[in-house]
Amino acid sequence: MVLLVLALSTDALIASLAYGTNNIRITALPAAVISLVGSGFLVLSLVAAGVVRLFISPAVCVGISFGLLFFIGFASFFQGLFKNYLRRRRGQKQVRFEMQGVQFVLDIFLDETKADSDDSKDLSVRESLYLGLALSVDSLASGLGSGLTAINVPLTVAIYAAVQFLVVMGGFSLGKKLRGKAAPDLSWLGGLLLIILAFTRLF
């Protein structure tokens, strides 16, 4: 449970660091919205996994759980390279989406600070909703993978919500102190934690 919460909070840490270094303010309410959106997706995935467990044998669930978590962890580990590739393709106009909302979320995925769409240097509640959606992609798949084995759903979600809120506020504060400097690339950390979590499912 601890590994899952830490892994899912890594993206929020990276985003909030970027906001701090770019002098874009995050107050408590937007941070709470980001936390609640992520928690909502995590609840959905954990509950869905619990339903799946009713129809599949424990041994198969363990195998699927390992596979999902390992794949997501592997993809997250190389997320930085993937983002750089997509940025280049978007620069060449080779990545297009017709739905404006989807395109906006993709923009935030590539550059978290794009959520501040009005350039106000102050993240609004509406903008934090988009950021929360972009940061919740891993929550869906990772929650499904984790929920296929025994897990305390209410406790996990409660801890995740609290940690996510603290990570966003703490990352923003740290980012302000690093203003003018390049934020450290921690995109690999969440992936590493998920890979470790995957192997714990085998023992």
C-alpha atoms as a PDB file:
ATOM      1  CA  MET A   1       0.000   0.000   0.000  1.00  0.00           C
ATOM      2  CA  VAL A   2       2.784   2.425   0.906  1.00  0.00           C
ATOM      3  CA  LEU A   3       4.657   1.715  -2.332  1.00  0.00           C
ATOM      4  CA  LEU A   4       1.478   2.267  -4.358  1.00  0.00           C
ATOM      5  CA  VAL A   5       0.750   5.616  -2.686  1.00  0.00           C
ATOM      6  CA  LEU A   6       4.335   6.828  -3.119  1.00  0.00           C
ATOM      7  CA  ALA A   7       4.463   5.722  -6.759  1.00  0.00           C
ATOM      8  CA  LEU A   8       1.189   7.456  -7.621  1.00  0.00           C
ATOM      9  CA  SER A   9       2.280  10.657  -5.870  1.00  0.00           C
ATOM     10  CA  THR A  10       5.474  11.020  -7.903  1.00  0.00           C
ATOM     11  CA  ASP A  11       3.784  12.695 -10.889  1.00  0.00           C
ATOM     12  CA  ALA A  12       2.114  15.211  -8.565  1.00  0.00           C
ATOM     13  CA  LEU A  13       5.506  15.996  -7.043  1.00  0.00           C
ATOM     14  CA  ILE A  14       7.044  16.578 -10.483  1.00  0.00           C
ATOM     15  CA  ALA A  15       4.143  18.819 -11.540  1.00  0.00           C
ATOM     16  CA  SER A  16       4.127  20.885  -8.346  1.00  0.00           C
ATOM     17  CA  LEU A  17       7.904  21.341  -8.545  1.00  0.00           C
ATOM     18  CA  ALA A  18       7.447  22.672 -12.081  1.00  0.00           C
ATOM     19  CA  TYR A  19       4.786  25.091 -10.882  1.00  0.00           C
ATOM     20  CA  GLY A  20       7.009  26.367  -8.106  1.00  0.00           C
ATOM     21  CA  THR A  21      10.034  26.883 -10.336  1.00  0.00           C
ATOM     22  CA  ASN A  22       7.839  28.698 -12.892  1.00  0.00           C
ATOM     23  CA  ASN A  23       6.313  30.927 -10.201  1.00  0.00           C
ATOM     24  CA  ILE A  24       2.758  29.615 -10.747  1.00  0.00           C
ATOM     25  CA  ARG A  25       0.942  29.654  -7.412  1.00  0.00           C
ATOM     26  CA  ILE A  26      -0.913  26.608  -6.087  1.00  0.00           C
ATOM     27  CA  THR A  27      -3.146  27.280  -3.085  1.00  0.00           C
ATOM     28  CA  ALA A  28      -4.807  24.756  -0.783  1.00  0.00           C
ATOM     29  CA  LEU A  29      -8.116  24.523  -2.699  1.00  0.00           C
ATOM     30  CA  PRO A  30      -6.617  23.590  -6.103  1.00  0.00           C
ATOM     31  CA  ALA A  31      -4.297  21.147  -4.320  1.00  0.00           C
ATOM     32  CA  ALA A  32      -7.343  19.557  -2.682  1.00  0.00           C
ATOM     33  CA  VAL A  33      -9.081  19.290  -6.074  1.00  0.00           C
ATOM     34  CA  ILE A  34      -6.046  17.541  -7.570  1.00  0.00           C
ATOM     35  CA  SER A  35      -6.026  15.145  -4.615  1.00  0.00           C
ATOM     36  CA  LEU A  36      -9.772  14.439  -4.848  1.00  0.00           C
ATOM     37  CA  VAL A  37      -9.671  13.793  -8.604  1.00  0.00           C
ATOM     38  CA  GLY A  38      -6.825  11.326  -8.203  1.00  0.00           C
ATOM     39  CA  SER A  39      -8.576   9.680  -5.249  1.00  0.00           C
ATOM     40  CA  GLY A  40     -11.771   9.318  -7.279  1.00  0.00           C
ATOM     41  CA  PHE A  41      -9.978   7.516 -10.085  1.00  0.00           C
ATOM     42  CA  LEU A  42      -8.163   5.320  -7.577  1.00  0.00           C
ATOM     43  CA  VAL A  43     -11.453   4.341  -5.894  1.00  0.00           C
ATOM     44  CA  LEU A  44     -13.003   3.423  -9.249  1.00  0.00           C
ATOM     45  CA  SER A  45     -10.069   1.248 -10.261  1.00  0.00           C
ATOM     46  CA  LEU A  46      -9.745  -0.499  -6.887  1.00  0.00           C
ATOM     47  CA  VAL A  47     -13.484  -1.244  -6.731  1.00  0.00           C
ATOM     48  CA  ALA A  48     -13.473  -2.493 -10.337  1.00  0.00           C
ATOM     49  CA  ALA A  49     -10.542  -4.763  -9.517  1.00  0.00           C
ATOM     50  CA  GLY A  50     -12.423  -6.075  -6.485  1.00  0.00           C
ATOM     51  CA  VAL A  51     -15.337  -7.053  -8.727  1.00  0.00           C
ATOM     52  CA  VAL A  52     -12.983  -8.805 -11.157  1.00  0.00           C
ATOM     53  CA  ARG A  53     -11.497 -10.786  -8.250  1.00  0.00           C
ATOM     54  CA  LEU A  54     -14.914 -12.363  -7.654  1.00  0.00           C
ATOM     55  CA  PHE A  55     -14.758 -14.152 -11.006  1.00  0.00           C
ATOM     56  CA  ILE A  56     -11.061 -14.997 -11.374  1.00  0.00           C
ATOM     57  CA  SER A  57      -8.934 -17.367  -9.319  1.00  0.00           C
ATOM     58  CA  PRO A  58      -6.404 -15.828  -6.887  1.00  0.00           C
ATOM     59  CA  ALA A  59      -3.450 -17.273  -8.816  1.00  0.00           C
ATOM     60  CA  VAL A  60      -4.588 -15.663 -12.076  1.00  0.00           C
ATOM     61  CA  CYS A  61      -5.257 -12.367 -10.266  1.00  0.00           C
ATOM     62  CA  VAL A  62      -1.698 -12.359  -8.942  1.00  0.00           C
ATOM     63  CA  GLY A  63      -0.331 -12.930 -12.441  1.00  0.00           C
ATOM     64  CA  ILE A  64      -2.455 -10.155 -13.959  1.00  0.00           C
ATOM     65  CA  SER A  65      -1.572  -7.817 -11.090  1.00  0.00           C
ATOM     66  CA  PHE A  66       2.142  -8.419 -11.621  1.00  0.00           C
ATOM     67  CA  GLY A  67       1.848  -7.920 -15.377  1.00  0.00           C
ATOM     68  CA  LEU A  68      -0.124  -4.675 -15.122  1.00  0.00           C
ATOM     69  CA  LEU A  69       2.071  -3.116 -12.453  1.00  0.00           C
ATOM     70  CA  PHE A  70       5.294  -4.150 -14.189  1.00  0.00           C
ATOM     71  CA  PHE A  71       4.133  -2.802 -17.563  1.00  0.00           C
ATOM     72  CA  ILE A  72       2.950   0.510 -16.089  1.00  0.00           C
ATOM     73  CA  GLY A  73       6.145   0.795 -14.062  1.00  0.00           C
ATOM     74  CA  PHE A  74       8.308   0.085 -17.100  1.00  0.00           C
ATOM     75  CA  ALA A  75       6.412   2.686 -19.150  1.00  0.00           C
ATOM     76  CA  SER A  76       6.621   5.243 -16.342  1.00  0.00           C
ATOM     77  CA  PHE A  77      10.343   4.615 -15.933  1.00  0.00           C
ATOM     78  CA  PHE A  78      10.890   5.833 -19.498  1.00  0.00           C
ATOM     79  CA  GLN A  79       8.162   8.491 -19.348  1.00  0.00           C
ATOM     80  CA  GLY A  80      10.655  11.330 -19.723  1.00  0.00           C
ATOM     81  CA  LEU A  81      11.897   9.965 -23.062  1.00  0.00           C
ATOM     82  CA  PHE A  82       8.320   9.376 -24.210  1.00  0.00           C
ATOM     83  CA  LYS A  83       7.309  12.951 -23.374  1.00  0.00           C
ATOM     84  CA  ASN A  84      10.295  14.341 -25.258  1.00  0.00           C
ATOM     85  CA  TYR A  85       9.308  12.252 -28.295  1.00  0.00           C
ATOM     86  CA  LEU A  86       5.697  13.494 -28.183  1.00  0.00           C
ATOM     87  CA  ARG A  87       6.838  17.100 -27.781  1.00  0.00           C
ATOM     88  CA  ARG A  88       8.906  16.785 -30.948  1.00  0.00           C
ATOM     89  CA  ARG A  89       6.011  15.197 -32.845  1.00  0.00           C
ATOM     90  CA  ARG A  90       3.620  17.917 -31.704  1.00  0.00           C
ATOM     91  CA  GLY A  91       6.126  20.499 -32.848  1.00  0.00           C
ATOM     92  CA  GLN A  92       5.969  18.856 -36.275  1.00  0.00           C
ATOM     93  CA  LYS A  93       2.123  18.808 -36.137  1.00  0.00           C
ATOM     94  CA  GLN A  94       2.100  15.009 -36.330  1.00  0.00           C
ATOM     95  CA  VAL A  95       0.055  14.435 -33.166  1.00  0.00           C
ATOM     96  CA  ARG A  96      -3.508  15.734 -33.531  1.00  0.00           C
ATOM     97  CA  PHE A  97      -6.741  15.339 -31.569  1.00  0.00           C
ATOM     98  CA  GLU A  98     -10.092  16.646 -32.739  1.00  0.00           C
ATOM     99  CA  MET A  99     -11.572  16.976 -29.228  1.00  0.00           C
ATOM    100  CA  GLN A 100     -10.293  20.156 -27.629  1.00  0.00           C
ATOM    101  CA  GLY A 101     -10.569  18.792 -24.095  1.00  0.00           C
ATOM    102  CA  VAL A 102      -8.487  15.736 -24.965  1.00  0.00           C
ATOM    103  CA  GLN A 103      -5.865  17.886 -26.663  1.00  0.00           C
ATOM    104  CA  PHE A 104      -5.687  20.145 -23.614  1.00  0.00           C
ATOM    105  CA  VAL A 105      -5.105  17.192 -21.286  1.00  0.00           C
ATOM    106  CA  LEU A 106      -2.373  15.935 -23.641  1.00  0.00           C
ATOM    107  CA  ASP A 107      -0.753  19.377 -23.488  1.00  0.00           C
ATOM    108  CA  ILE A 108      -0.735  19.155 -19.688  1.00  0.00           C
ATOM    109  CA  PHE A 109       0.710  15.637 -19.860  1.00  0.00           C
ATOM    110  CA  LEU A 110       3.601  16.974 -21.933  1.00  0.00           C
ATOM    111  CA  ASP A 111       4.037  20.157 -19.890  1.00  0.00           C
ATOM    112  CA  GLU A 112       2.266  20.304 -16.532  1.00  0.00           C
ATOM    113  CA  THR A 113       2.422  24.106 -16.394  1.00  0.00           C
ATOM    114  CA  LYS A 114       0.083  24.290 -19.434  1.00  0.00           C
ATOM    115  CA  ALA A 115      -2.805  23.786 -16.994  1.00  0.00           C
ATOM    116  CA  ASP A 116      -2.415  27.494 -16.192  1.00  0.00           C
ATOM    117  CA  SER A 117      -4.171  28.220 -19.488  1.00  0.00           C
ATOM    118  CA  ASP A 118      -4.845  31.906 -18.806  1.00  0.00           C
ATOM    119  CA  ASP A 119      -1.208  32.612 -17.817  1.00  0.00           C
ATOM    120  CA  SER A 120      -2.420  34.156 -14.568  1.00  0.00           C
ATOM    121  CA  LYS A 121       0.436  32.568 -12.597  1.00  0.00           C
ATOM    122  CA  ASP A 122      -2.263  31.292 -10.241  1.00  0.00           C
ATOM    123  CA  LEU A 123      -3.769  27.808 -10.689  1.00  0.00           C
ATOM    124  CA  SER A 124      -7.568  28.059 -10.532  1.00  0.00           C
ATOM    125  CA  VAL A 125      -9.956  25.332  -9.390  1.00  0.00           C
ATOM    126  CA  ARG A 126     -11.025  24.630 -12.987  1.00  0.00           C
ATOM    127  CA  GLU A 127      -7.414  24.417 -14.143  1.00  0.00           C
ATOM    128  CA  SER A 128      -6.550  22.137 -11.226  1.00  0.00           C
ATOM    129  CA  LEU A 129      -9.326  19.802 -12.399  1.00  0.00           C
ATOM    130  CA  TYR A 130      -7.592  19.401 -15.772  1.00  0.00           C
ATOM    131  CA  LEU A 131      -4.254  18.901 -14.048  1.00  0.00           C
ATOM    132  CA  GLY A 132      -5.809  16.301 -11.749  1.00  0.00           C
ATOM    133  CA  LEU A 133      -7.151  14.420 -14.780  1.00  0.00           C
ATOM    134  CA  ALA A 134      -3.751  14.438 -16.478  1.00  0.00           C
ATOM    135  CA  LEU A 135      -2.075  13.171 -13.309  1.00  0.00           C
ATOM    136  CA  SER A 136      -4.665  10.413 -12.740  1.00  0.00           C
ATOM    137  CA  VAL A 137      -3.858   8.214 -15.732  1.00  0.00           C
ATOM    138  CA  ASP A 138      -1.519   6.046 -13.661  1.00  0.00           C
ATOM    139  CA  SER A 139      -4.085   5.833 -10.837  1.00  0.00           C
ATOM    140  CA  LEU A 140      -6.553   3.964 -13.040  1.00  0.00           C
ATOM    141  CA  ALA A 141      -4.214   1.260 -14.298  1.00  0.00           C
ATOM    142  CA  SER A 142      -2.103   0.991 -11.137  1.00  0.00           C
ATOM    143  CA  GLY A 143      -5.200   0.841  -8.950  1.00  0.00           C
ATOM    144  CA  LEU A 144      -6.611  -1.934 -11.105  1.00  0.00           C
ATOM    145  CA  GLY A 145      -3.354  -3.861 -10.860  1.00  0.00           C
ATOM    146  CA  SER A 146      -3.095  -3.403  -7.101  1.00  0.00           C
ATOM    147  CA  GLY A 147      -6.769  -4.131  -6.447  1.00  0.00           C
ATOM    148  CA  LEU A 148      -6.510  -7.597  -7.988  1.00  0.00           C
ATOM    149  CA  THR A 149      -4.844  -8.712  -4.765  1.00  0.00           C
ATOM    150  CA  ALA A 150      -6.039  -8.114  -1.203  1.00  0.00           C
ATOM    151  CA  ILE A 151      -5.948  -4.419  -0.291  1.00  0.00           C
ATOM    152  CA  ASN A 152      -7.757  -2.181   2.196  1.00  0.00           C
ATOM    153  CA  VAL A 153      -9.543   0.195  -0.182  1.00  0.00           C
ATOM    154  CA  PRO A 154     -10.796   2.875   2.277  1.00  0.00           C
ATOM    155  CA  LEU A 155      -7.454   3.095   4.086  1.00  0.00           C
ATOM    156  CA  THR A 156      -5.438   3.161   0.851  1.00  0.00           C
ATOM    157  CA  VAL A 157      -7.567   5.924  -0.671  1.00  0.00           C
ATOM    158  CA  ALA A 158      -7.539   7.988   2.539  1.00  0.00           C
ATOM    159  CA  ILE A 159      -3.746   7.793   2.808  1.00  0.00           C
ATOM    160  CA  TYR A 160      -3.357   8.541  -0.904  1.00  0.00           C
ATOM    161  CA  ALA A 161      -5.604  11.622  -0.682  1.00  0.00           C
ATOM    162  CA  ALA A 162      -3.661  13.010   2.276  1.00  0.00           C
ATOM    163  CA  VAL A 163      -0.238  12.255   0.792  1.00  0.00           C
ATOM    164  CA  GLN A 164      -1.217  13.657  -2.622  1.00  0.00           C
ATOM    165  CA  PHE A 165      -2.347  16.940  -1.037  1.00  0.00           C
ATOM    166  CA  LEU A 166       0.823  17.234   1.040  1.00  0.00           C
ATOM    167  CA  VAL A 167       3.023  16.353  -1.940  1.00  0.00           C
ATOM    168  CA  VAL A 168       1.421  19.047  -4.121  1.00  0.00           C
ATOM    169  CA  MET A 169       1.787  21.734  -1.451  1.00  0.00           C
ATOM    170  CA  GLY A 170       5.271  20.587  -0.447  1.00  0.00           C
ATOM    171  CA  GLY A 171       6.472  20.244  -4.037  1.00  0.00           C
ATOM    172  CA  PHE A 172       5.252  23.746  -4.843  1.00  0.00           C
ATOM    173  CA  SER A 173       7.062  25.187  -1.814  1.00  0.00           C
ATOM    174  CA  LEU A 174      10.263  23.357  -2.751  1.00  0.00           C
ATOM    175  CA  GLY A 175       9.910  24.499  -6.356  1.00  0.00           C
ATOM    176  CA  LYS A 176       9.736  28.137  -5.240  1.00  0.00           C
ATOM    177  CA  LYS A 177      13.091  27.697  -3.512  1.00  0.00           C
ATOM    178  CA  LEU A 178      14.518  26.230  -6.726  1.00  0.00           C
ATOM    179  CA  ARG A 179      13.168  29.107  -8.838  1.00  0.00           C
ATOM    180  CA  GLY A 180      15.494  29.897 -11.709  1.00  0.00           C
ATOM    181  CA  LYS A 181      16.970  26.404 -11.596  1.00  0.00           C
ATOM    182  CA  ALA A 182      16.002  23.306 -13.536  1.00  0.00           C
ATOM    183  CA  ALA A 183      13.755  21.005 -11.504  1.00  0.00           C
ATOM    184  CA  PRO A 184      15.236  17.512 -11.048  1.00  0.00           C
ATOM    185  CA  ASP A 185      13.911  14.845 -13.424  1.00  0.00           C
ATOM    186  CA  LEU A 186      12.141  12.356 -11.160  1.00  0.00           C
ATOM    187  CA  SER A 187       9.941  10.787 -13.840  1.00  0.00           C
ATOM    188  CA  TRP A 188      11.784   7.472 -13.416  1.00  0.00           C
ATOM    189  CA  LEU A 189      11.096   7.208  -9.670  1.00  0.00           C
ATOM    190  CA  GLY A 190       7.394   6.365  -9.863  1.00  0.00           C
ATOM    191  CA  GLY A 191       8.129   3.693 -12.451  1.00  0.00           C
ATOM    192  CA  LEU A 192      10.813   2.120 -10.289  1.00  0.00           C
ATOM    193  CA  LEU A 193       8.449   1.986  -7.300  1.00  0.00           C
ATOM    194  CA  LEU A 194       5.723   0.338  -9.402  1.00  0.00           C
ATOM    195  CA  ILE A 195       8.177  -2.278 -10.698  1.00  0.00           C
ATOM    196  CA  ILE A 196       9.194  -3.070  -7.117  1.00  0.00           C
ATOM    197  CA  LEU A 197       5.503  -3.234  -6.171  1.00  0.00           C
ATOM    198  CA  ALA A 198       4.897  -5.665  -9.045  1.00  0.00           C
ATOM    199  CA  PHE A 199       7.520  -8.089  -7.748  1.00  0.00           C
ATOM    200  CA  THR A 200       6.078  -7.946  -4.217  1.00  0.00           C
ATOM    201  CA  ARG A 201       2.906  -9.461  -5.688  1.00  0.00           C
ATOM    202  CA  LEU A 202       4.819 -12.669  -6.386  1.00  0.00           C
ATOM    203  CA  PHE A 203       5.788 -13.273  -2.758  1.00  0.00           C
END
